[in-house]
Amino acid sequence: MEILNSRDDLEVVLWPEDRQAPREWLLENIKGSVAVIINSSEKVDAEFFDATGPELKTVSTVSVGFEHISKPIAASRSIRIGYTPSVLTDAVADTTILLLLLASRNGGPCVSLVQSGQWPQFNWSPFAFTGPQLSLSPACPFGSPTRTVGFIGFGRIAQAVLARLAGFGITHCLFTSNPNSKPRSDIEIDLQAKHRLLMVKHSDLDEIARESDFVIILAPGGADTHHIINESFLRKMKKTSILVNAARGTLVDSDALAKALKERWIFAAGLDVVEGEPNIGADHPLVKEEKCVILPHIGSATTEARVGMTVTAVRNALAVLDGGEMPAELSLE
């Protein structure tokens, strides 16, 4: 707001409350706008564009995702779109590690036990609440001598996650950038040397499902990746494996994952996103599964990341109004 309020040439219309603006308020107050700054919960569709009028030059979203924006309509009206892809990389990478640890160490059932007051009545046993260990431990030789992580989506965030996992002793990395991606031997060699791994390999979905101890989803949403994690994929995974989704809920078939957890095809899942969110109630099949840890889409919820996102969104909007280049512009091609 300091950046916007420092501009005498702008009239700033602000929704003042710390919650999503009602749709009616939004459509009424964007009339005549030259720039609109929104978040990912606002649907930028024909109704939105019609409400603004012909003066609109840019829409700047405080998010890395852009599924809520109709790119074809924006392109047809020559409206430039800004987004915030870089500043949340570390925050989402941290959240991904959090989900891995919570899922592998039975975080959901353990927290529930304490919060429900059942800890005093809990009967301890040697293997209570045990799960697959994320880190390799030379002092404990009773396990696999390797750890394999498989990435579906291998952009900035995934590579930041790999850097963190290297410290846990991950030995092998499989990845696919998207269903049609081609091998990049230079990336494989560089990352293998950088993180001292035994292997970094571009792979296909079948191999990632079969070989990975931990499968991490960090691919974009959209038609090409819709339900890329389905019953077929889940049945190929190890019974001791962990699935983590910190990308978009639409990439995972929720019913198939609930079935996989209930029937113990895999050990556990950690989700920051769920298809249909935020309308995920207590009766949702994944909420009912104790081996599924669900966070309410908090991947970028650090003060540092959110400040960076909002500042980037403001600078994106102002760059268009000043006739310059956006710090982060979404391609509409």
Protein backbone atom coordinates (compact mmCIF):
# COMPACT_ATOMS: atom_id res chain seq x y z
CA MET A 1 0.00 0.00 0.00
CA GLU A 2 2.91 2.36 0.64
CA ILE A 3 4.00 1.93 -2.98
CA LEU A 4 0.51 2.59 -4.31
CA ASN A 5 -0.24 5.49 -1.98
CA SER A 6 3.01 7.21 -2.95
CA ARG A 7 1.61 7.72 -6.46
CA ASP A 8 -0.33 10.98 -6.75
CA ASP A 9 -1.50 10.03 -10.24
CA LEU A 10 -3.48 7.00 -9.03
CA GLU A 11 -6.88 6.64 -7.44
CA VAL A 12 -6.70 3.48 -5.34
CA VAL A 13 -9.90 1.58 -4.53
CA LEU A 14 -9.27 -0.91 -1.72
CA TRP A 15 -11.29 -3.72 -0.18
CA PRO A 16 -10.37 -2.93 3.46
CA GLU A 17 -11.04 -6.24 5.22
CA ASP A 18 -8.66 -9.16 5.74
CA ARG A 19 -10.88 -11.62 3.89
CA GLN A 20 -12.03 -12.21 0.34
CA ALA A 21 -14.20 -9.46 -1.10
CA PRO A 22 -17.75 -10.46 -2.03
CA ARG A 23 -18.12 -10.95 -5.76
CA GLU A 24 -20.76 -8.24 -5.94
CA TRP A 25 -18.44 -5.70 -4.32
CA LEU A 26 -15.62 -6.66 -6.66
CA LEU A 27 -17.66 -6.34 -9.86
CA GLU A 28 -19.08 -3.01 -8.75
CA ASN A 29 -15.75 -1.47 -7.73
CA ILE A 30 -13.60 -2.54 -10.69
CA LYS A 31 -15.70 -0.47 -13.09
CA GLY A 32 -13.47 1.87 -15.06
CA SER A 33 -10.25 0.38 -13.69
CA VAL A 34 -7.00 0.58 -15.63
CA ALA A 35 -5.37 -2.05 -13.40
CA VAL A 36 -6.75 -4.62 -10.95
CA ILE A 37 -4.72 -6.46 -8.32
CA ILE A 38 -6.37 -9.67 -7.13
CA ASN A 39 -5.62 -12.96 -5.43
CA SER A 40 -6.14 -16.51 -6.65
CA SER A 41 -9.64 -16.81 -5.18
CA GLU A 42 -11.06 -14.30 -7.68
CA LYS A 43 -12.32 -15.73 -10.95
CA VAL A 44 -11.13 -13.52 -13.82
CA ASP A 45 -13.63 -14.46 -16.52
CA ALA A 46 -15.84 -12.74 -19.08
CA GLU A 47 -18.04 -11.31 -16.31
CA PHE A 48 -14.96 -9.81 -14.65
CA PHE A 49 -13.57 -8.28 -17.84
CA ASP A 50 -16.98 -6.93 -18.87
CA ALA A 51 -17.37 -5.28 -15.48
CA THR A 52 -14.09 -3.37 -15.74
CA GLY A 53 -14.87 -1.72 -19.04
CA PRO A 54 -12.58 -0.82 -21.96
CA GLU A 55 -9.93 1.06 -19.96
CA LEU A 56 -8.45 -2.04 -18.34
CA LYS A 57 -4.78 -2.60 -19.22
CA THR A 58 -3.64 -5.22 -16.75
CA VAL A 59 -4.66 -7.75 -14.11
CA SER A 60 -2.03 -8.62 -11.53
CA THR A 61 -2.58 -11.70 -9.38
CA VAL A 62 -0.92 -12.33 -6.03
CA SER A 63 -0.22 -15.97 -6.87
CA VAL A 64 1.98 -18.25 -8.90
CA GLY A 65 -1.07 -20.15 -10.17
CA PHE A 66 -3.20 -18.64 -12.90
CA GLU A 67 -5.97 -21.21 -13.47
CA HIS A 68 -8.46 -18.62 -12.15
CA ILE A 69 -7.69 -16.31 -15.10
CA SER A 70 -9.11 -16.79 -18.58
CA LYS A 71 -6.00 -16.41 -20.70
CA PRO A 72 -7.89 -16.52 -24.03
CA ILE A 73 -10.15 -13.63 -23.04
CA ALA A 74 -7.23 -11.61 -21.72
CA ALA A 75 -5.31 -12.19 -24.94
CA SER A 76 -8.27 -11.26 -27.11
CA ARG A 77 -8.55 -7.94 -25.26
CA SER A 78 -4.78 -7.28 -25.13
CA ILE A 79 -4.82 -7.25 -21.34
CA ARG A 80 -1.46 -8.08 -19.77
CA ILE A 81 -1.37 -10.49 -16.84
CA GLY A 82 1.13 -10.36 -14.00
CA TYR A 83 1.82 -13.13 -11.49
CA THR A 84 4.37 -13.96 -8.76
CA PRO A 85 6.29 -17.14 -9.61
CA SER A 86 9.66 -16.67 -7.92
CA VAL A 87 9.29 -15.17 -4.47
CA LEU A 88 7.43 -18.12 -2.93
CA THR A 89 9.88 -20.83 -4.01
CA ASP A 90 11.54 -21.31 -0.62
CA ALA A 91 8.30 -21.09 1.35
CA VAL A 92 6.63 -23.82 -0.72
CA ALA A 93 9.78 -25.96 -0.63
CA ASP A 94 9.76 -25.75 3.17
CA THR A 95 6.08 -26.72 3.27
CA THR A 96 6.81 -29.72 1.05
CA ILE A 97 9.39 -30.98 3.53
CA LEU A 98 6.89 -30.38 6.34
CA LEU A 99 4.32 -32.55 4.54
CA LEU A 100 6.86 -35.31 3.96
CA LEU A 101 7.75 -35.41 7.64
CA LEU A 102 4.16 -35.18 8.87
CA ALA A 103 3.02 -37.98 6.55
CA SER A 104 5.95 -40.31 7.20
CA ARG A 105 5.85 -39.83 10.98
CA ASN A 106 2.06 -40.15 11.41
CA GLY A 107 1.71 -36.47 12.23
CA GLY A 108 -2.07 -36.42 11.84
CA PRO A 109 -2.90 -39.29 14.21
CA CYS A 110 -0.25 -38.18 16.71
CA VAL A 111 -1.52 -34.60 16.97
CA SER A 112 -5.10 -35.87 17.13
CA LEU A 113 -4.20 -38.21 20.00
CA VAL A 114 -2.85 -35.34 22.09
CA GLN A 115 -5.52 -32.78 21.21
CA SER A 116 -8.34 -35.23 21.95
CA GLY A 117 -6.93 -35.93 25.39
CA GLN A 118 -6.29 -39.62 24.64
CA TRP A 119 -2.53 -39.65 25.32
CA PRO A 120 -2.93 -40.74 29.00
CA GLN A 121 -4.92 -43.79 27.86
CA PHE A 122 -2.60 -44.69 24.98
CA ASN A 123 -0.92 -48.08 25.28
CA TRP A 124 2.69 -47.72 24.15
CA SER A 125 4.22 -50.45 22.00
CA PRO A 126 7.59 -50.67 20.24
CA PHE A 127 6.16 -50.04 16.77
CA ALA A 128 3.38 -47.60 17.63
CA PHE A 129 3.15 -44.69 15.17
CA THR A 130 6.22 -45.83 13.26
CA GLY A 131 6.67 -45.03 9.60
CA PRO A 132 9.32 -44.88 6.89
CA GLN A 133 12.27 -42.71 7.87
CA LEU A 134 13.02 -39.80 5.57
CA SER A 135 16.73 -39.63 6.35
CA LEU A 136 19.40 -42.27 5.94
CA SER A 137 21.02 -43.25 9.22
CA PRO A 138 24.43 -44.97 9.05
CA ALA A 139 24.12 -45.81 12.75
CA CYS A 140 20.98 -47.87 12.02
CA PRO A 141 21.73 -50.52 9.38
CA PHE A 142 18.29 -52.12 9.39
CA GLY A 143 16.83 -50.51 6.32
CA SER A 144 17.38 -49.72 2.70
CA PRO A 145 20.78 -48.19 1.93
CA THR A 146 19.14 -45.80 -0.53
CA ARG A 147 16.37 -43.23 -0.60
CA THR A 148 14.66 -42.39 -3.90
CA VAL A 149 12.54 -39.30 -4.44
CA GLY A 150 10.40 -38.90 -7.55
CA PHE A 151 9.28 -35.48 -8.74
CA ILE A 152 6.31 -34.84 -11.00
CA GLY A 153 7.18 -31.34 -12.11
CA PHE A 154 10.80 -30.26 -11.81
CA GLY A 155 10.90 -26.48 -11.83
CA ARG A 156 12.32 -24.03 -9.32
CA ILE A 157 10.36 -25.32 -6.33
CA ALA A 158 11.11 -28.98 -6.99
CA GLN A 159 14.81 -28.28 -7.30
CA ALA A 160 14.70 -26.28 -4.06
CA VAL A 161 13.05 -29.30 -2.40
CA LEU A 162 15.78 -31.58 -3.77
CA ALA A 163 18.44 -29.30 -2.27
CA ARG A 164 16.77 -29.66 1.13
CA LEU A 165 16.37 -33.43 0.77
CA ALA A 166 20.05 -33.84 -0.04
CA GLY A 167 20.74 -32.99 3.59
CA PHE A 168 18.53 -35.89 4.66
CA GLY A 169 20.62 -38.32 2.65
CA ILE A 170 18.44 -38.81 -0.41
CA THR A 171 20.52 -40.89 -2.83
CA HIS A 172 18.45 -41.13 -6.03
CA CYS A 173 16.23 -38.60 -7.82
CA LEU A 174 13.78 -39.36 -10.60
CA PHE A 175 11.88 -36.55 -12.28
CA THR A 176 9.61 -35.61 -15.12
CA SER A 177 8.97 -31.99 -15.97
CA ASN A 178 5.66 -32.73 -17.66
CA PRO A 179 4.11 -35.71 -19.47
CA ASN A 180 5.79 -34.69 -22.73
CA SER A 181 9.14 -33.47 -21.39
CA LYS A 182 12.40 -34.60 -22.95
CA PRO A 183 15.57 -35.70 -21.14
CA ARG A 184 18.03 -32.98 -20.10
CA SER A 185 21.35 -34.67 -19.46
CA ASP A 186 22.98 -31.39 -18.44
CA ILE A 187 20.50 -30.91 -15.59
CA GLU A 188 20.96 -34.51 -14.47
CA ILE A 189 24.75 -34.30 -14.36
CA ASP A 190 24.82 -30.88 -12.69
CA LEU A 191 22.34 -31.77 -9.95
CA GLN A 192 23.92 -35.14 -9.29
CA ALA A 193 27.29 -33.51 -8.70
CA LYS A 194 25.91 -30.52 -6.80
CA HIS A 195 23.98 -32.59 -4.28
CA ARG A 196 26.32 -35.61 -4.25
CA LEU A 197 23.61 -38.01 -5.29
CA LEU A 198 24.12 -41.46 -6.77
CA MET A 199 21.65 -40.72 -9.56
CA VAL A 200 19.53 -37.94 -11.03
CA LYS A 201 17.46 -39.22 -13.91
CA HIS A 202 14.71 -37.97 -16.18
CA SER A 203 12.06 -40.65 -16.03
CA ASP A 204 8.49 -41.53 -16.93
CA LEU A 205 5.50 -41.77 -14.61
CA ASP A 206 5.60 -45.56 -14.40
CA GLU A 207 9.19 -45.65 -13.18
CA ILE A 208 8.57 -42.81 -10.73
CA ALA A 209 5.60 -44.71 -9.28
CA ARG A 210 7.47 -48.04 -9.02
CA GLU A 211 10.84 -46.88 -7.73
CA SER A 212 10.20 -43.84 -5.53
CA ASP A 213 10.08 -43.94 -1.76
CA PHE A 214 8.65 -40.41 -1.85
CA VAL A 215 6.62 -38.99 -4.74
CA ILE A 216 6.34 -35.20 -4.78
CA ILE A 217 3.91 -33.38 -7.06
CA LEU A 218 4.95 -29.87 -8.08
CA ALA A 219 3.58 -29.59 -11.62
CA PRO A 220 1.19 -26.93 -12.95
CA GLY A 221 -2.53 -27.51 -13.03
CA GLY A 222 -4.59 -27.64 -16.21
CA ALA A 223 -6.01 -30.15 -18.66
CA ASP A 224 -2.65 -31.83 -19.36
CA THR A 225 -2.10 -32.80 -15.72
CA HIS A 226 -5.68 -33.36 -14.56
CA HIS A 227 -5.75 -36.52 -12.37
CA ILE A 228 -2.22 -37.44 -13.44
CA ILE A 229 -2.16 -39.27 -10.10
CA ASN A 230 -4.89 -41.83 -10.59
CA GLU A 231 -5.65 -45.41 -9.53
CA SER A 232 -3.26 -46.85 -12.10
CA PHE A 233 -0.36 -44.73 -10.79
CA LEU A 234 -1.14 -45.38 -7.13
CA ARG A 235 -1.32 -49.16 -7.59
CA LYS A 236 2.26 -49.13 -8.93
CA MET A 237 3.67 -47.35 -5.87
CA LYS A 238 5.44 -49.11 -3.02
CA LYS A 239 3.39 -49.98 0.07
CA THR A 240 5.91 -48.00 2.12
CA SER A 241 5.86 -44.92 -0.11
CA ILE A 242 4.66 -41.39 0.66
CA LEU A 243 2.76 -39.14 -1.76
CA VAL A 244 2.97 -35.36 -1.34
CA ASN A 245 1.02 -32.77 -3.35
CA ALA A 246 2.05 -29.14 -2.93
CA ALA A 247 0.96 -28.03 -6.40
CA ARG A 248 -2.71 -28.14 -7.45
CA GLY A 249 -5.51 -30.33 -6.15
CA THR A 250 -6.67 -31.24 -9.65
CA LEU A 251 -3.54 -33.33 -10.25
CA VAL A 252 -4.73 -36.03 -7.83
CA ASP A 253 -7.87 -38.14 -8.11
CA SER A 254 -9.12 -37.80 -4.52
CA ASP A 255 -11.31 -40.91 -4.63
CA ALA A 256 -8.46 -43.03 -5.95
CA LEU A 257 -6.08 -41.71 -3.29
CA ALA A 258 -8.61 -42.36 -0.52
CA LYS A 259 -8.98 -45.92 -1.80
CA ALA A 260 -5.20 -46.35 -1.94
CA LEU A 261 -4.85 -45.22 1.67
CA LYS A 262 -7.78 -47.26 2.94
CA GLU A 263 -6.54 -50.43 1.25
CA ARG A 264 -2.88 -49.72 2.15
CA TRP A 265 -1.47 -49.53 -1.39
CA ILE A 266 0.78 -46.75 -0.06
CA PHE A 267 1.82 -45.75 3.45
CA ALA A 268 0.56 -42.17 3.67
CA ALA A 269 -0.06 -38.88 1.88
CA GLY A 270 0.60 -35.24 2.68
CA LEU A 271 -1.50 -32.64 0.88
CA ASP A 272 -1.43 -28.86 0.86
CA VAL A 273 -4.03 -28.82 -1.90
CA VAL A 274 -7.18 -30.83 -2.59
CA GLU A 275 -9.44 -30.78 -5.61
CA GLY A 276 -12.54 -28.70 -4.86
CA GLU A 277 -10.89 -26.69 -2.08
CA PRO A 278 -11.81 -24.91 0.10
CA ASN A 279 -15.06 -26.88 0.14
CA ILE A 280 -13.46 -29.80 1.95
CA GLY A 281 -15.59 -30.85 4.90
CA ALA A 282 -15.24 -33.47 7.61
CA ASP A 283 -17.08 -35.98 5.41
CA HIS A 284 -14.54 -35.73 2.59
CA PRO A 285 -13.03 -39.19 1.89
CA LEU A 286 -9.47 -37.93 2.33
CA VAL A 287 -10.25 -36.13 5.59
CA LYS A 288 -11.55 -39.42 6.94
CA GLU A 289 -8.26 -41.20 6.22
CA GLU A 290 -5.93 -40.99 9.24
CA LYS A 291 -2.91 -41.61 6.99
CA CYS A 292 -3.64 -38.44 5.05
CA VAL A 293 -2.32 -35.15 6.43
CA ILE A 294 -4.08 -32.14 4.88
CA LEU A 295 -3.03 -28.52 5.24
CA PRO A 296 -5.33 -25.68 4.07
CA HIS A 297 -3.18 -24.52 1.13
CA ILE A 298 -0.54 -22.74 3.20
CA GLY A 299 2.45 -23.39 0.93
CA SER A 300 3.38 -19.73 0.58
CA ALA A 301 2.16 -18.67 4.03
CA THR A 302 5.29 -17.07 5.39
CA THR A 303 5.49 -13.35 6.06
CA GLU A 304 8.51 -13.06 3.79
CA ALA A 305 6.85 -14.83 0.86
CA ARG A 306 3.54 -13.01 1.11
CA VAL A 307 5.22 -9.60 1.32
CA GLY A 308 7.32 -10.51 -1.69
CA MET A 309 4.26 -11.66 -3.62
CA THR A 310 2.23 -8.55 -2.92
CA VAL A 311 5.12 -6.21 -3.74
CA THR A 312 5.71 -8.08 -7.00
CA ALA A 313 2.01 -7.88 -7.86
CA VAL A 314 1.99 -4.10 -7.27
CA ARG A 315 5.13 -3.62 -9.34
CA ASN A 316 3.66 -5.73 -12.13
CA ALA A 317 0.60 -3.49 -12.31
CA LEU A 318 2.56 -0.23 -12.14
CA ALA A 319 5.00 -1.39 -14.82
CA VAL A 320 2.17 -1.67 -17.31
CA LEU A 321 0.74 1.72 -16.39
CA ASP A 322 4.21 3.26 -16.77
CA GLY A 323 4.82 1.58 -20.11
CA GLY A 324 7.53 -0.74 -18.85
CA GLU A 325 8.25 -4.43 -18.47
CA MET A 326 6.61 -6.43 -15.71
CA PRO A 327 8.90 -8.13 -13.19
CA ALA A 328 6.85 -11.30 -13.87
CA GLU A 329 4.46 -11.38 -16.83
CA LEU A 330 2.39 -14.39 -17.81
CA SER A 331 2.67 -15.42 -21.43
CA LEU A 332 -0.74 -15.51 -23.09
CA GLU A 333 0.40 -17.44 -26.17
